[in-house]
Amino acid sequence: MRHPTDGTLRRLLDEPAGVADADRRHVAGCPVCRSALAAVQEDAAAAGAALHAGLTVDGADTDAGWHRLSREVASGRPRPRPAAARTGRWRAALRSPVTAVVAVVALLTGAGAAAAANWLQIFRTEQIAPVTISQADLVALPDLSAYGEVETSGDVDLRQVAGRAEAAEATGIPVPRVTALPRGVTGEPEYQVAGQVSAVFTFSAEKAARAAEAAGETLPAPPPGLDGSRFRLTGGPGFAAVWSEPRGVPAMIVARAVAPSAYSEGIPFETARDYLLSLPGLPQDVASRLRGFSGAGTTLPLPVPDGLVTTSTADVGGAPATVLTSRDGLLAGVVWVDDGIVTAVGGPLTDDEVLSVAREVASR
């Protein structure tokens, strides 16, 4: 099979659902294409930072962005200066800050008990640990619907509320007040909340076999009881407190949500994990990392883009925390779990600044 075109690689970044399964599988297993995909990712980040540097609160000044990009390319300096990169890249990544924080937290976090008596809890987050994954692997991950049916319910729409008290009432989660703000972070934050969401995945051996056949492989025999079994992930509620610069650029975000939980109709966590990681389509290096991941059933893997982010550990209020720092030093964040609640602090700050805020948050 020929290598996918550069246009196809770019579409994997912008619109992955629009790329043919055959191309996705080829990229996932081809070192040449995965290297090319990484280059496309870098080009997209550089162009996005230049174009978005002119964004205002109300939208984008596309003409100014295009002229700015043209000047940078003509000068041989396609990447903006550090100060511009700090503003532009942060704005591009968090054009809607709640989308970047609360939506992800709400979709991936678990709220309380399953309603049906036959649901068995198989996963409850007690801590978070980073797992390094390349950008190409993230794009090449298979669509779960190829192996069964995915049904979602609930409402993940985000809405702004008046303040701390309303955010706490809407989510049932303590909303701390941050008094010692880092330099450059001022004023009161805006609060956004998200509701509860539930997702149920029903494994289908028939669909999985068709997916394996399309990939030119044979489906491993499912363990007894897996075909037709269901797995449930409940999510939210959660909130984000967002401090913004005068031009509307997020300066710091503090987010909280109920930590992830998962349930099954009787299939043990290890059985489901090991079998699903053996299915065709999943990059082998990713499967190996996740298969050997310690703390099964209580430790949530946190995907970290290889080469873009570094991680370290710290103590936050007596709980183990993961500190994430972008390689260029423009962004930093810290995330931890305490008593069933996952909290994250992040922004265009230093490690010391996010840890200082995190420790104040944990003490309240």
Protein backbone atom coordinates (compact mmCIF):
# COMPACT_ATOMS: atom_id res chain seq x y z
CA MET A 1 0.00 0.00 0.00
CA ARG A 2 1.24 3.48 -0.83
CA HIS A 3 1.98 5.93 1.94
CA PRO A 4 -0.92 8.34 2.60
CA THR A 5 -0.47 11.84 1.18
CA ASP A 6 0.52 14.86 3.26
CA GLY A 7 -3.09 16.03 2.98
CA THR A 8 -4.30 12.79 4.54
CA LEU A 9 -1.79 13.13 7.37
CA ARG A 10 -2.98 16.65 8.07
CA ARG A 11 -6.58 15.48 8.04
CA LEU A 12 -5.67 12.94 10.73
CA LEU A 13 -4.94 15.93 12.95
CA ASP A 14 -7.89 18.13 11.95
CA GLU A 15 -10.62 15.61 11.15
CA PRO A 16 -9.53 12.04 12.09
CA ALA A 17 -13.03 10.62 11.60
CA GLY A 18 -12.83 11.60 7.93
CA VAL A 19 -9.77 9.44 7.22
CA ALA A 20 -10.27 5.93 5.86
CA ASP A 21 -9.64 3.07 8.31
CA ALA A 22 -7.04 1.61 5.93
CA ASP A 23 -5.03 4.85 6.04
CA ARG A 24 -5.30 5.04 9.82
CA ARG A 25 -4.03 1.47 10.17
CA HIS A 26 -1.19 2.13 7.72
CA VAL A 27 -0.03 5.20 9.66
CA ALA A 28 -0.28 3.35 12.97
CA GLY A 29 2.07 0.62 11.76
CA CYS A 30 4.40 2.59 9.48
CA PRO A 31 7.43 4.31 11.09
CA VAL A 32 7.93 6.49 8.01
CA CYS A 33 4.36 7.82 8.11
CA ARG A 34 4.41 8.28 11.87
CA SER A 35 7.55 10.37 11.54
CA ALA A 36 5.91 12.40 8.78
CA LEU A 37 2.82 12.82 10.96
CA ALA A 38 4.96 14.23 13.77
CA ALA A 39 6.41 16.77 11.32
CA VAL A 40 2.91 17.74 10.19
CA GLN A 41 1.95 18.21 13.84
CA GLU A 42 4.89 20.60 14.38
CA ASP A 43 4.02 22.59 11.26
CA ALA A 44 0.38 22.83 12.35
CA ALA A 45 1.39 24.08 15.81
CA ALA A 46 3.70 26.73 14.34
CA ALA A 47 1.09 27.95 11.84
CA GLY A 48 -1.65 27.89 14.45
CA ALA A 49 0.39 29.92 16.90
CA ALA A 50 1.15 32.56 14.28
CA LEU A 51 -2.42 32.80 13.02
CA HIS A 52 -4.01 32.83 16.45
CA ALA A 53 -1.74 35.52 17.85
CA GLY A 54 -4.27 38.09 16.60
CA LEU A 55 -7.32 36.55 18.29
CA THR A 56 -9.49 38.84 20.32
CA VAL A 57 -12.17 38.03 22.86
CA ASP A 58 -14.85 38.22 20.15
CA GLY A 59 -13.05 36.13 17.53
CA ALA A 60 -10.14 35.98 15.15
CA ASP A 61 -8.64 38.74 13.03
CA THR A 62 -7.89 36.43 10.12
CA ASP A 63 -6.45 39.10 7.83
CA ALA A 64 -3.96 40.22 10.47
CA GLY A 65 -3.14 36.60 11.24
CA TRP A 66 -2.45 35.80 7.60
CA HIS A 67 -0.23 38.85 7.13
CA ARG A 68 1.63 37.99 10.32
CA LEU A 69 2.19 34.41 9.18
CA SER A 70 3.36 35.61 5.74
CA ARG A 71 5.90 37.96 7.28
CA GLU A 72 7.21 35.22 9.58
CA VAL A 73 7.59 32.72 6.73
CA ALA A 74 9.26 35.31 4.48
CA SER A 75 11.71 36.20 7.23
CA GLY A 76 12.66 32.56 7.71
CA ARG A 77 11.33 32.58 11.27
CA PRO A 78 8.07 30.62 11.13
CA ARG A 79 7.87 30.36 14.91
CA PRO A 80 6.88 33.45 16.92
CA ARG A 81 9.11 35.02 19.57
CA PRO A 82 8.82 33.42 23.02
CA ALA A 83 6.46 36.10 24.35
CA ALA A 84 4.18 35.86 21.32
CA ALA A 85 4.35 32.08 21.38
CA ARG A 86 3.32 32.09 25.01
CA THR A 87 0.18 34.08 24.26
CA GLY A 88 -0.63 32.61 20.84
CA ARG A 89 -0.07 28.95 21.68
CA TRP A 90 -1.98 29.20 24.93
CA ARG A 91 -4.86 30.93 23.15
CA ALA A 92 -4.85 28.40 20.34
CA ALA A 93 -4.89 25.48 22.76
CA LEU A 94 -7.49 27.03 25.02
CA ARG A 95 -9.61 29.13 22.69
CA SER A 96 -12.44 27.85 24.85
CA PRO A 97 -10.72 27.21 28.19
CA VAL A 98 -13.59 25.16 29.50
CA THR A 99 -13.41 22.85 26.50
CA ALA A 100 -9.78 22.17 27.32
CA VAL A 101 -10.37 21.47 31.00
CA VAL A 102 -13.90 20.82 32.19
CA ALA A 103 -15.11 18.97 29.09
CA VAL A 104 -12.19 16.56 29.24
CA VAL A 105 -12.57 16.11 32.98
CA ALA A 106 -16.32 15.65 32.72
CA LEU A 107 -16.10 13.06 29.96
CA LEU A 108 -13.35 11.04 31.63
CA THR A 109 -14.38 11.22 35.27
CA GLY A 110 -16.70 9.00 37.20
CA ALA A 111 -19.43 10.08 39.57
CA GLY A 112 -20.86 7.68 42.13
CA ALA A 113 -22.74 4.45 42.10
CA ALA A 114 -24.21 2.53 39.20
CA ALA A 115 -27.97 2.33 39.38
CA ALA A 116 -28.42 -1.30 38.35
CA ALA A 117 -27.73 -4.01 40.92
CA ASN A 118 -25.83 -6.14 38.40
CA TRP A 119 -23.11 -3.52 37.84
CA LEU A 120 -19.80 -4.41 39.50
CA GLN A 121 -17.29 -1.65 40.14
CA ILE A 122 -14.00 -2.59 38.45
CA PHE A 123 -12.13 0.71 38.56
CA ARG A 124 -11.93 3.57 41.03
CA THR A 125 -9.27 6.24 40.68
CA GLU A 126 -7.10 6.68 43.74
CA GLN A 127 -4.09 8.16 41.99
CA ILE A 128 -2.89 9.30 38.56
CA ALA A 129 0.34 8.32 36.81
CA PRO A 130 1.70 9.54 33.45
CA VAL A 131 2.11 7.27 30.43
CA THR A 132 4.20 8.69 27.56
CA ILE A 133 2.51 8.35 24.15
CA SER A 134 3.67 9.81 20.84
CA GLN A 135 1.47 12.23 18.90
CA ALA A 136 1.25 9.68 16.09
CA ASP A 137 0.00 7.03 18.53
CA LEU A 138 -2.66 9.37 19.88
CA VAL A 139 -3.98 9.99 16.36
CA ALA A 140 -3.75 6.34 15.37
CA LEU A 141 -5.76 4.97 18.30
CA PRO A 142 -8.66 2.90 16.94
CA ASP A 143 -12.30 3.91 17.16
CA LEU A 144 -13.92 1.98 20.02
CA SER A 145 -17.15 1.67 18.05
CA ALA A 146 -15.37 -0.77 15.71
CA TYR A 147 -15.46 -3.32 18.55
CA GLY A 148 -19.00 -2.81 19.82
CA GLU A 149 -21.67 -0.26 20.57
CA VAL A 150 -21.13 2.97 22.49
CA GLU A 151 -24.13 4.76 24.00
CA THR A 152 -23.92 8.02 25.87
CA SER A 153 -26.51 9.78 28.00
CA GLY A 154 -26.64 12.91 30.08
CA ASP A 155 -25.68 16.47 29.25
CA VAL A 156 -22.07 17.63 28.92
CA ASP A 157 -23.02 21.17 27.88
CA LEU A 158 -20.98 23.73 29.76
CA ARG A 159 -22.49 26.81 31.30
CA GLN A 160 -21.24 29.80 33.17
CA VAL A 161 -22.44 30.39 36.72
CA ALA A 162 -22.36 33.51 38.85
CA GLY A 163 -19.65 32.54 41.32
CA ARG A 164 -18.16 30.05 43.77
CA ALA A 165 -21.37 29.38 45.67
CA GLU A 166 -23.37 28.58 42.54
CA ALA A 167 -20.55 26.37 41.17
CA ALA A 168 -20.48 24.42 44.43
CA GLU A 169 -24.26 24.06 44.45
CA ALA A 170 -24.35 22.90 40.81
CA THR A 171 -21.62 20.27 41.19
CA GLY A 172 -21.66 19.28 44.85
CA ILE A 173 -17.87 19.74 44.88
CA PRO A 174 -16.01 22.10 47.24
CA VAL A 175 -14.89 25.21 45.35
CA PRO A 176 -11.82 26.74 47.04
CA ARG A 177 -10.92 30.41 46.97
CA VAL A 178 -7.39 31.15 45.77
CA THR A 179 -5.95 34.17 47.56
CA ALA A 180 -2.23 33.95 46.73
CA LEU A 181 -2.36 34.48 42.97
CA PRO A 182 0.79 34.12 40.84
CA ARG A 183 2.31 37.19 39.25
CA GLY A 184 0.25 38.29 36.25
CA VAL A 185 -2.95 36.59 37.50
CA THR A 186 -5.40 39.13 38.89
CA GLY A 187 -9.03 39.69 39.69
CA GLU A 188 -11.82 37.17 40.17
CA PRO A 189 -12.27 34.08 37.99
CA GLU A 190 -15.21 33.08 35.87
CA TYR A 191 -16.79 29.76 36.84
CA GLN A 192 -17.96 27.12 34.36
CA VAL A 193 -19.74 23.89 35.30
CA ALA A 194 -20.56 20.68 33.46
CA GLY A 195 -23.25 18.12 34.21
CA GLN A 196 -23.07 14.37 34.58
CA VAL A 197 -22.52 12.07 31.61
CA SER A 198 -22.70 8.30 31.34
CA ALA A 199 -21.21 6.11 28.61
CA VAL A 200 -21.89 2.39 28.14
CA PHE A 201 -19.73 0.23 25.85
CA THR A 202 -21.12 -3.17 24.76
CA PHE A 203 -18.45 -5.47 23.37
CA SER A 204 -19.36 -7.34 20.17
CA ALA A 205 -17.19 -10.25 19.09
CA GLU A 206 -18.82 -10.09 15.63
CA LYS A 207 -17.91 -6.41 15.07
CA ALA A 208 -14.44 -6.93 16.50
CA ALA A 209 -13.91 -9.88 14.13
CA ARG A 210 -14.89 -7.73 11.14
CA ALA A 211 -12.49 -5.01 12.27
CA ALA A 212 -9.69 -7.57 12.61
CA GLU A 213 -10.45 -9.02 9.18
CA ALA A 214 -10.34 -5.54 7.64
CA ALA A 215 -6.91 -5.11 9.19
CA GLY A 216 -5.77 -8.43 7.72
CA GLU A 217 -5.59 -10.08 11.14
CA THR A 218 -7.46 -12.69 13.14
CA LEU A 219 -9.45 -11.80 16.23
CA PRO A 220 -8.14 -13.49 19.40
CA ALA A 221 -10.74 -15.73 21.02
CA PRO A 222 -12.70 -13.65 23.56
CA PRO A 223 -12.63 -14.88 27.16
CA PRO A 224 -15.88 -16.51 28.39
CA GLY A 225 -18.63 -14.02 29.07
CA LEU A 226 -17.05 -11.07 27.28
CA ASP A 227 -19.16 -11.13 24.10
CA GLY A 228 -22.19 -8.93 24.72
CA SER A 229 -20.95 -7.73 28.11
CA ARG A 230 -21.29 -4.07 29.00
CA PHE A 231 -18.94 -1.58 30.64
CA ARG A 232 -20.13 1.68 32.11
CA LEU A 233 -18.25 4.93 32.75
CA THR A 234 -20.06 7.73 34.54
CA GLY A 235 -18.74 11.26 34.29
CA GLY A 236 -18.97 14.59 36.04
CA PRO A 237 -20.05 16.85 37.46
CA GLY A 238 -17.09 19.21 37.33
CA PHE A 239 -16.15 22.87 37.33
CA ALA A 240 -13.38 25.18 36.21
CA ALA A 241 -12.39 28.53 37.64
CA VAL A 242 -10.77 30.59 34.86
CA TRP A 243 -8.67 33.71 35.43
CA SER A 244 -8.15 35.71 32.23
CA GLU A 245 -5.80 38.41 31.06
CA PRO A 246 -7.35 41.74 29.93
CA ARG A 247 -7.56 40.52 26.31
CA GLY A 248 -9.40 37.38 27.36
CA VAL A 249 -6.44 35.00 27.28
CA PRO A 250 -6.61 32.41 30.09
CA ALA A 251 -3.94 33.16 32.70
CA MET A 252 -4.74 30.28 35.08
CA ILE A 253 -7.31 27.50 35.46
CA VAL A 254 -8.29 25.52 38.54
CA ALA A 255 -10.56 22.56 37.77
CA ARG A 256 -12.16 19.84 39.89
CA ALA A 257 -14.35 16.81 39.25
CA VAL A 258 -15.31 13.51 40.82
CA ALA A 259 -12.56 11.01 40.02
CA PRO A 260 -13.08 8.27 37.36
CA SER A 261 -14.94 5.08 38.15
CA ALA A 262 -15.91 2.22 35.84
CA TYR A 263 -18.30 -0.71 36.15
CA SER A 264 -18.94 -3.99 34.36
CA GLU A 265 -21.62 -6.67 34.37
CA GLY A 266 -19.24 -9.15 35.95
CA ILE A 267 -16.09 -9.18 33.79
CA PRO A 268 -12.99 -8.48 35.96
CA PHE A 269 -10.94 -5.39 35.17
CA GLU A 270 -7.77 -7.34 34.33
CA THR A 271 -9.63 -9.71 31.98
CA ALA A 272 -11.22 -6.89 30.00
CA ARG A 273 -8.02 -4.81 29.95
CA ASP A 274 -5.73 -7.58 28.73
CA TYR A 275 -8.10 -8.72 25.99
CA LEU A 276 -8.94 -5.25 24.68
CA LEU A 277 -5.23 -4.41 24.55
CA SER A 278 -4.66 -7.49 22.38
CA LEU A 279 -7.11 -6.40 19.67
CA PRO A 280 -5.79 -5.42 16.23
CA GLY A 281 -5.45 -1.73 15.48
CA LEU A 282 -3.91 -0.58 18.74
CA PRO A 283 -0.26 0.50 18.32
CA GLN A 284 1.85 -2.23 19.90
CA ASP A 285 4.08 0.12 21.86
CA VAL A 286 1.02 1.76 23.41
CA ALA A 287 -0.49 -1.63 24.24
CA SER A 288 2.76 -2.76 25.87
CA ARG A 289 2.92 0.32 28.09
CA LEU A 290 -0.68 0.00 29.19
CA ARG A 291 -0.49 -3.79 29.64
CA GLY A 292 2.42 -3.41 32.02
CA PHE A 293 0.87 -0.49 33.86
CA SER A 294 0.91 -0.98 37.62
CA GLY A 295 -1.92 -0.21 39.98
CA ALA A 296 -4.63 -1.94 37.95
CA GLY A 297 -8.05 -0.88 39.11
CA THR A 298 -6.94 2.17 41.12
CA THR A 299 -4.33 4.10 39.08
CA LEU A 300 -5.50 6.13 36.11
CA PRO A 301 -2.99 6.40 33.23
CA LEU A 302 -2.53 10.01 32.12
CA PRO A 303 -1.44 10.17 28.43
CA VAL A 304 1.50 12.55 28.03
CA PRO A 305 2.66 13.63 24.52
CA ASP A 306 6.18 12.35 23.98
CA GLY A 307 8.73 15.07 23.29
CA LEU A 308 6.32 17.89 24.10
CA VAL A 309 5.79 17.52 27.84
CA THR A 310 7.99 16.47 30.75
CA THR A 311 6.64 15.09 34.01
CA SER A 312 7.76 14.96 37.61
CA THR A 313 6.19 14.07 40.95
CA ALA A 314 5.38 16.23 43.94
CA ASP A 315 3.41 16.15 47.18
CA VAL A 316 0.24 18.24 47.31
CA GLY A 317 -1.51 18.21 50.67
CA GLY A 318 -0.20 14.73 51.41
CA ALA A 319 -1.37 13.31 48.07
CA PRO A 320 0.99 12.26 45.25
CA ALA A 321 0.72 14.68 42.31
CA THR A 322 1.94 14.72 38.71
CA VAL A 323 3.55 17.93 37.49
CA LEU A 324 3.52 18.53 33.72
CA THR A 325 5.69 21.11 31.96
CA SER A 326 5.85 21.86 28.25
CA ARG A 327 9.33 21.42 26.76
CA ASP A 328 9.41 25.07 25.76
CA GLY A 329 8.61 26.13 29.31
CA LEU A 330 5.50 28.06 28.28
CA LEU A 331 2.91 25.97 30.14
CA ALA A 332 2.79 24.05 33.40
CA GLY A 333 0.17 22.07 35.26
CA VAL A 334 -0.32 19.78 38.22
CA VAL A 335 -2.99 17.12 38.77
CA TRP A 336 -3.76 14.94 41.78
CA VAL A 337 -6.50 12.84 43.38
CA ASP A 338 -7.62 13.16 46.98
CA ASP A 339 -10.62 11.46 48.59
CA GLY A 340 -12.26 10.68 45.28
CA ILE A 341 -11.79 14.15 43.78
CA VAL A 342 -9.38 14.95 40.93
CA THR A 343 -8.03 18.50 40.87
CA ALA A 344 -5.92 20.25 38.23
CA VAL A 345 -4.15 23.60 38.19
CA GLY A 346 -2.57 24.91 34.99
CA GLY A 347 -1.66 27.86 32.84
CA PRO A 348 1.22 29.79 31.29
CA LEU A 349 3.01 29.56 34.64
CA THR A 350 6.10 27.94 36.17
CA ASP A 351 6.21 24.66 38.07
CA ASP A 352 6.68 26.52 41.34
CA GLU A 353 3.70 28.77 40.64
CA VAL A 354 1.23 25.96 39.87
CA LEU A 355 2.46 23.96 42.87
CA SER A 356 2.03 26.97 45.15
CA VAL A 357 -1.57 27.39 43.99
CA ALA A 358 -2.20 23.64 44.17
CA ARG A 359 -1.05 23.48 47.79
CA GLU A 360 -3.27 26.39 48.76
CA VAL A 361 -6.22 24.72 47.01
CA ALA A 362 -5.51 21.41 48.77
CA SER A 363 -5.45 23.09 52.16
CA ARG A 364 -8.98 24.49 51.80
